[in-house]
Amino acid sequence: MGTAIASRLLILVLAAATMAGGGDHVKPEPASIVVGDGIWVFGADTEHERLVRWAIGRYEHAGLKVPPIDVHFHADTSGCYGHLGSELGGRVDICVVIVSEIARDALLHEMGHAWVTENVSATVRERFMAMRGLTAWNDQRVIWDDRGFEHAAETLAWALGHRYIAPGIPDHGRVQLTAAFELLTGGLPLPHPGNV
């Protein structure tokens, strides 16, 4: 009888620990670093931290304030729903392990989503979609190339980045993207790094 009671007690203790977050399946949150006003970075090494600081600097150099965001770095694309990056509600996930032009572009793009959500009015969204020939802003039933939200993030990444990678949207010539950036932000793209 004593063993049965002890077994039941052990089961209750383990169940309570699991419900309280003490189970083995709970992953600890990676260490965080504050890199700006309301900007936190998780799971970053020194290079990734420098990458985030660089991206913030690009936005600031263009006169754009980065809204409060949490940037999480992951070792594979499982943290980004199978993509190189994602942004949802101010949480930016980057799944590019090596700091490269791809990582820079992905980070600027995902930060662009947060910036657009915080700063672009419904009126400007409508004008932007008309300019780009689009009918959907962020409808998940519409392919990525035809969403205004993605065009906006690609425009910001192009205008603020090194421009080594062509934007993944149609009509991505310099004239079209400059006009799109000006509509979204009221400013001009940063000079091409080769022209600085």
C-alpha atoms as a PDB file:
ATOM      1  CA  MET A   1       0.000   0.000   0.000  1.00  0.00           C
ATOM      2  CA  GLY A   2       2.862   2.409   0.807  1.00  0.00           C
ATOM      3  CA  THR A   3       4.426   1.882  -2.659  1.00  0.00           C
ATOM      4  CA  ALA A   4       1.131   2.608  -4.445  1.00  0.00           C
ATOM      5  CA  ILE A   5       0.685   5.862  -2.503  1.00  0.00           C
ATOM      6  CA  ALA A   6       4.305   6.872  -3.184  1.00  0.00           C
ATOM      7  CA  SER A   7       3.851   6.117  -6.915  1.00  0.00           C
ATOM      8  CA  ARG A   8       0.689   8.203  -7.074  1.00  0.00           C
ATOM      9  CA  LEU A   9       2.378  11.023  -5.188  1.00  0.00           C
ATOM     10  CA  LEU A  10       5.346  10.921  -7.604  1.00  0.00           C
ATOM     11  CA  ILE A  11       2.960  11.053 -10.602  1.00  0.00           C
ATOM     12  CA  LEU A  12       1.173  14.076  -9.101  1.00  0.00           C
ATOM     13  CA  VAL A  13       4.478  15.875  -8.423  1.00  0.00           C
ATOM     14  CA  LEU A  14       5.705  15.216 -11.985  1.00  0.00           C
ATOM     15  CA  ALA A  15       2.394  16.340 -13.466  1.00  0.00           C
ATOM     16  CA  ALA A  16       2.438  19.534 -11.398  1.00  0.00           C
ATOM     17  CA  ALA A  17       6.042  20.245 -12.419  1.00  0.00           C
ATOM     18  CA  THR A  18       5.162  19.757 -16.087  1.00  0.00           C
ATOM     19  CA  MET A  19       2.113  22.028 -15.818  1.00  0.00           C
ATOM     20  CA  ALA A  20       4.247  24.650 -14.068  1.00  0.00           C
ATOM     21  CA  GLY A  21       6.779  24.587 -16.897  1.00  0.00           C
ATOM     22  CA  GLY A  22       9.307  22.349 -15.200  1.00  0.00           C
ATOM     23  CA  GLY A  23       9.078  19.437 -17.638  1.00  0.00           C
ATOM     24  CA  ASP A  24      12.084  18.308 -19.657  1.00  0.00           C
ATOM     25  CA  HIS A  25      10.335  19.284 -22.905  1.00  0.00           C
ATOM     26  CA  VAL A  26      10.479  23.002 -22.097  1.00  0.00           C
ATOM     27  CA  LYS A  27      13.418  24.677 -23.839  1.00  0.00           C
ATOM     28  CA  PRO A  28      15.118  27.487 -21.960  1.00  0.00           C
ATOM     29  CA  GLU A  29      14.926  30.886 -23.641  1.00  0.00           C
ATOM     30  CA  PRO A  30      18.292  31.768 -25.216  1.00  0.00           C
ATOM     31  CA  ALA A  31      20.287  34.586 -23.675  1.00  0.00           C
ATOM     32  CA  SER A  32      19.111  38.037 -24.707  1.00  0.00           C
ATOM     33  CA  ILE A  33      20.975  41.246 -25.478  1.00  0.00           C
ATOM     34  CA  VAL A  34      19.529  44.765 -25.684  1.00  0.00           C
ATOM     35  CA  VAL A  35      20.879  46.453 -28.824  1.00  0.00           C
ATOM     36  CA  GLY A  36      18.615  49.474 -29.121  1.00  0.00           C
ATOM     37  CA  ASP A  37      15.579  51.238 -27.736  1.00  0.00           C
ATOM     38  CA  GLY A  38      13.141  48.343 -27.273  1.00  0.00           C
ATOM     39  CA  ILE A  39      15.190  46.028 -29.517  1.00  0.00           C
ATOM     40  CA  TRP A  40      16.199  42.689 -28.027  1.00  0.00           C
ATOM     41  CA  VAL A  41      18.270  39.964 -29.672  1.00  0.00           C
ATOM     42  CA  PHE A  42      18.064  36.282 -28.688  1.00  0.00           C
ATOM     43  CA  GLY A  43      20.335  33.372 -29.578  1.00  0.00           C
ATOM     44  CA  ALA A  44      22.938  35.631 -31.195  1.00  0.00           C
ATOM     45  CA  ASP A  45      26.693  35.341 -31.283  1.00  0.00           C
ATOM     46  CA  THR A  46      28.888  38.432 -31.727  1.00  0.00           C
ATOM     47  CA  GLU A  47      28.503  38.426 -35.528  1.00  0.00           C
ATOM     48  CA  HIS A  48      24.700  38.194 -35.347  1.00  0.00           C
ATOM     49  CA  GLU A  49      24.591  40.971 -32.766  1.00  0.00           C
ATOM     50  CA  ARG A  50      26.698  43.141 -35.110  1.00  0.00           C
ATOM     51  CA  LEU A  51      24.302  42.251 -37.947  1.00  0.00           C
ATOM     52  CA  VAL A  52      21.318  43.573 -35.974  1.00  0.00           C
ATOM     53  CA  ARG A  53      23.192  46.746 -35.028  1.00  0.00           C
ATOM     54  CA  TRP A  54      24.109  47.223 -38.721  1.00  0.00           C
ATOM     55  CA  ALA A  55      20.455  46.829 -39.775  1.00  0.00           C
ATOM     56  CA  ILE A  56      19.275  49.298 -37.128  1.00  0.00           C
ATOM     57  CA  GLY A  57      21.916  51.722 -38.363  1.00  0.00           C
ATOM     58  CA  ARG A  58      20.697  51.375 -41.957  1.00  0.00           C
ATOM     59  CA  TYR A  59      17.133  52.232 -40.907  1.00  0.00           C
ATOM     60  CA  GLU A  60      18.319  55.159 -38.783  1.00  0.00           C
ATOM     61  CA  HIS A  61      20.592  56.468 -41.564  1.00  0.00           C
ATOM     62  CA  ALA A  62      17.475  56.620 -43.782  1.00  0.00           C
ATOM     63  CA  GLY A  63      15.576  58.486 -41.039  1.00  0.00           C
ATOM     64  CA  LEU A  64      13.395  55.484 -40.138  1.00  0.00           C
ATOM     65  CA  LYS A  65      12.985  54.473 -36.498  1.00  0.00           C
ATOM     66  CA  VAL A  66      12.898  50.733 -35.928  1.00  0.00           C
ATOM     67  CA  PRO A  67       9.907  49.855 -33.736  1.00  0.00           C
ATOM     68  CA  PRO A  68      10.405  47.664 -30.654  1.00  0.00           C
ATOM     69  CA  ILE A  69      11.201  44.149 -31.882  1.00  0.00           C
ATOM     70  CA  ASP A  70      12.639  40.899 -30.596  1.00  0.00           C
ATOM     71  CA  VAL A  71      15.099  39.328 -33.047  1.00  0.00           C
ATOM     72  CA  HIS A  72      15.580  35.566 -32.624  1.00  0.00           C
ATOM     73  CA  PHE A  73      18.329  33.654 -34.439  1.00  0.00           C
ATOM     74  CA  HIS A  74      17.891  29.946 -35.218  1.00  0.00           C
ATOM     75  CA  ALA A  75      20.230  27.196 -36.380  1.00  0.00           C
ATOM     76  CA  ASP A  76      17.835  25.997 -39.094  1.00  0.00           C
ATOM     77  CA  THR A  77      14.671  27.018 -40.921  1.00  0.00           C
ATOM     78  CA  SER A  78      12.334  25.228 -38.497  1.00  0.00           C
ATOM     79  CA  GLY A  79      12.270  28.433 -36.417  1.00  0.00           C
ATOM     80  CA  CYS A  80      11.020  30.391 -39.447  1.00  0.00           C
ATOM     81  CA  TYR A  81       8.273  28.080 -40.734  1.00  0.00           C
ATOM     82  CA  GLY A  82      10.684  26.674 -43.333  1.00  0.00           C
ATOM     83  CA  HIS A  83      11.746  30.112 -44.627  1.00  0.00           C
ATOM     84  CA  LEU A  84      14.860  32.242 -44.138  1.00  0.00           C
ATOM     85  CA  GLY A  85      12.962  34.597 -41.856  1.00  0.00           C
ATOM     86  CA  SER A  86       9.587  35.586 -40.511  1.00  0.00           C
ATOM     87  CA  GLU A  87       7.980  38.416 -38.582  1.00  0.00           C
ATOM     88  CA  LEU A  88       4.836  38.313 -36.531  1.00  0.00           C
ATOM     89  CA  GLY A  89       3.720  40.863 -33.970  1.00  0.00           C
ATOM     90  CA  GLY A  90       7.156  42.404 -33.508  1.00  0.00           C
ATOM     91  CA  ARG A  91       8.962  39.077 -33.249  1.00  0.00           C
ATOM     92  CA  VAL A  92      11.544  38.697 -36.008  1.00  0.00           C
ATOM     93  CA  ASP A  93      12.961  35.217 -36.575  1.00  0.00           C
ATOM     94  CA  ILE A  94      16.068  34.787 -38.729  1.00  0.00           C
ATOM     95  CA  CYS A  95      17.096  31.318 -39.860  1.00  0.00           C
ATOM     96  CA  VAL A  96      20.317  32.121 -41.722  1.00  0.00           C
ATOM     97  CA  VAL A  97      23.237  30.799 -39.713  1.00  0.00           C
ATOM     98  CA  ILE A  98      26.122  32.502 -41.531  1.00  0.00           C
ATOM     99  CA  VAL A  99      26.178  36.293 -41.612  1.00  0.00           C
ATOM    100  CA  SER A 100      26.134  37.070 -45.329  1.00  0.00           C
ATOM    101  CA  GLU A 101      24.298  39.190 -47.872  1.00  0.00           C
ATOM    102  CA  ILE A 102      21.434  36.698 -47.606  1.00  0.00           C
ATOM    103  CA  ALA A 103      21.261  37.234 -43.832  1.00  0.00           C
ATOM    104  CA  ARG A 104      21.453  41.023 -44.238  1.00  0.00           C
ATOM    105  CA  ASP A 105      18.668  40.998 -46.808  1.00  0.00           C
ATOM    106  CA  ALA A 106      16.490  38.653 -44.716  1.00  0.00           C
ATOM    107  CA  LEU A 107      16.902  40.796 -41.594  1.00  0.00           C
ATOM    108  CA  LEU A 108      16.160  44.081 -43.392  1.00  0.00           C
ATOM    109  CA  HIS A 109      13.102  42.445 -45.008  1.00  0.00           C
ATOM    110  CA  GLU A 110      11.674  41.083 -41.743  1.00  0.00           C
ATOM    111  CA  MET A 111      12.389  44.324 -39.886  1.00  0.00           C
ATOM    112  CA  GLY A 112      10.615  46.005 -42.803  1.00  0.00           C
ATOM    113  CA  HIS A 113       7.431  44.120 -41.955  1.00  0.00           C
ATOM    114  CA  ALA A 114       7.561  45.480 -38.393  1.00  0.00           C
ATOM    115  CA  TRP A 115       8.323  48.994 -39.641  1.00  0.00           C
ATOM    116  CA  VAL A 116       5.484  48.937 -42.192  1.00  0.00           C
ATOM    117  CA  THR A 117       2.979  47.659 -39.618  1.00  0.00           C
ATOM    118  CA  GLU A 118       3.940  50.470 -37.257  1.00  0.00           C
ATOM    119  CA  ASN A 119       4.253  53.326 -39.749  1.00  0.00           C
ATOM    120  CA  VAL A 120       2.256  52.862 -42.946  1.00  0.00           C
ATOM    121  CA  SER A 121      -1.351  54.091 -42.908  1.00  0.00           C
ATOM    122  CA  ALA A 122      -4.244  52.378 -44.662  1.00  0.00           C
ATOM    123  CA  THR A 123      -4.313  55.225 -47.206  1.00  0.00           C
ATOM    124  CA  VAL A 124      -0.639  54.780 -48.077  1.00  0.00           C
ATOM    125  CA  ARG A 125      -1.129  50.999 -48.273  1.00  0.00           C
ATOM    126  CA  GLU A 126      -3.910  51.509 -50.826  1.00  0.00           C
ATOM    127  CA  ARG A 127      -1.803  53.925 -52.861  1.00  0.00           C
ATOM    128  CA  PHE A 128       1.179  51.556 -52.681  1.00  0.00           C
ATOM    129  CA  MET A 129      -0.901  48.597 -53.898  1.00  0.00           C
ATOM    130  CA  ALA A 130      -2.292  50.678 -56.781  1.00  0.00           C
ATOM    131  CA  MET A 131       1.242  51.770 -57.709  1.00  0.00           C
ATOM    132  CA  ARG A 132       2.455  48.158 -57.661  1.00  0.00           C
ATOM    133  CA  GLY A 133      -0.649  46.786 -59.446  1.00  0.00           C
ATOM    134  CA  LEU A 134      -1.698  44.619 -56.494  1.00  0.00           C
ATOM    135  CA  THR A 135      -5.098  43.851 -54.996  1.00  0.00           C
ATOM    136  CA  ALA A 136      -4.167  42.122 -51.705  1.00  0.00           C
ATOM    137  CA  TRP A 137      -2.188  43.491 -48.792  1.00  0.00           C
ATOM    138  CA  ASN A 138      -1.392  40.395 -46.710  1.00  0.00           C
ATOM    139  CA  ASP A 139      -3.927  37.753 -47.701  1.00  0.00           C
ATOM    140  CA  GLN A 140      -2.372  34.341 -47.007  1.00  0.00           C
ATOM    141  CA  ARG A 141      -4.454  32.847 -49.841  1.00  0.00           C
ATOM    142  CA  VAL A 142      -2.600  35.047 -52.340  1.00  0.00           C
ATOM    143  CA  ILE A 143       0.855  34.026 -53.535  1.00  0.00           C
ATOM    144  CA  TRP A 144       3.779  35.815 -51.915  1.00  0.00           C
ATOM    145  CA  ASP A 145       4.681  37.813 -55.073  1.00  0.00           C
ATOM    146  CA  ASP A 146       1.198  39.355 -55.212  1.00  0.00           C
ATOM    147  CA  ARG A 147       0.981  40.657 -51.617  1.00  0.00           C
ATOM    148  CA  GLY A 148       1.527  44.333 -50.958  1.00  0.00           C
ATOM    149  CA  PHE A 149       2.981  43.554 -47.522  1.00  0.00           C
ATOM    150  CA  GLU A 150       5.763  41.517 -49.142  1.00  0.00           C
ATOM    151  CA  HIS A 151       6.399  44.138 -51.824  1.00  0.00           C
ATOM    152  CA  ALA A 152       6.761  46.743 -49.067  1.00  0.00           C
ATOM    153  CA  ALA A 153       9.270  44.648 -47.087  1.00  0.00           C
ATOM    154  CA  GLU A 154      11.261  43.845 -50.246  1.00  0.00           C
ATOM    155  CA  THR A 155      11.284  47.542 -51.147  1.00  0.00           C
ATOM    156  CA  LEU A 156      12.696  48.458 -47.727  1.00  0.00           C
ATOM    157  CA  ALA A 157      15.319  45.690 -47.872  1.00  0.00           C
ATOM    158  CA  TRP A 158      16.422  46.872 -51.331  1.00  0.00           C
ATOM    159  CA  ALA A 159      16.514  50.570 -50.397  1.00  0.00           C
ATOM    160  CA  LEU A 160      18.441  50.037 -47.158  1.00  0.00           C
ATOM    161  CA  GLY A 161      20.679  47.139 -48.116  1.00  0.00           C
ATOM    162  CA  HIS A 162      23.746  46.535 -50.236  1.00  0.00           C
ATOM    163  CA  ARG A 163      21.671  45.567 -53.308  1.00  0.00           C
ATOM    164  CA  TYR A 164      23.724  42.473 -54.090  1.00  0.00           C
ATOM    165  CA  ILE A 165      20.553  40.372 -54.174  1.00  0.00           C
ATOM    166  CA  ALA A 166      17.745  41.320 -56.550  1.00  0.00           C
ATOM    167  CA  PRO A 167      14.371  41.742 -54.834  1.00  0.00           C
ATOM    168  CA  GLY A 168      12.157  38.680 -55.117  1.00  0.00           C
ATOM    169  CA  ILE A 169       9.203  40.614 -56.506  1.00  0.00           C
ATOM    170  CA  PRO A 170       8.205  41.613 -60.039  1.00  0.00           C
ATOM    171  CA  ASP A 171       8.895  45.124 -61.331  1.00  0.00           C
ATOM    172  CA  HIS A 172      12.020  45.561 -59.239  1.00  0.00           C
ATOM    173  CA  GLY A 173      13.875  48.104 -61.333  1.00  0.00           C
ATOM    174  CA  ARG A 174      15.620  51.013 -59.606  1.00  0.00           C
ATOM    175  CA  VAL A 175      13.044  53.591 -60.755  1.00  0.00           C
ATOM    176  CA  GLN A 176      10.044  51.531 -59.613  1.00  0.00           C
ATOM    177  CA  LEU A 177      11.570  50.648 -56.230  1.00  0.00           C
ATOM    178  CA  THR A 178      12.736  54.211 -55.590  1.00  0.00           C
ATOM    179  CA  ALA A 179       9.190  55.499 -56.195  1.00  0.00           C
ATOM    180  CA  ALA A 180       7.760  52.752 -53.972  1.00  0.00           C
ATOM    181  CA  PHE A 181      10.219  53.549 -51.159  1.00  0.00           C
ATOM    182  CA  GLU A 182       9.441  57.251 -51.407  1.00  0.00           C
ATOM    183  CA  LEU A 183       5.709  56.553 -51.148  1.00  0.00           C
ATOM    184  CA  LEU A 184       6.167  54.288 -48.113  1.00  0.00           C
ATOM    185  CA  THR A 185       8.673  56.418 -46.204  1.00  0.00           C
ATOM    186  CA  GLY A 186       8.642  59.939 -47.620  1.00  0.00           C
ATOM    187  CA  GLY A 187      12.403  59.637 -48.227  1.00  0.00           C
ATOM    188  CA  LEU A 188      14.862  58.296 -50.758  1.00  0.00           C
ATOM    189  CA  PRO A 189      16.798  55.024 -50.701  1.00  0.00           C
ATOM    190  CA  LEU A 190      20.257  55.068 -49.182  1.00  0.00           C
ATOM    191  CA  PRO A 191      23.015  55.528 -51.759  1.00  0.00           C
ATOM    192  CA  HIS A 192      24.280  52.304 -53.288  1.00  0.00           C
ATOM    193  CA  PRO A 193      27.328  51.206 -51.240  1.00  0.00           C
ATOM    194  CA  GLY A 194      29.471  51.432 -54.388  1.00  0.00           C
ATOM    195  CA  ASN A 195      28.504  55.129 -54.686  1.00  0.00           C
ATOM    196  CA  VAL A 196      29.337  56.112 -51.099  1.00  0.00           C
END
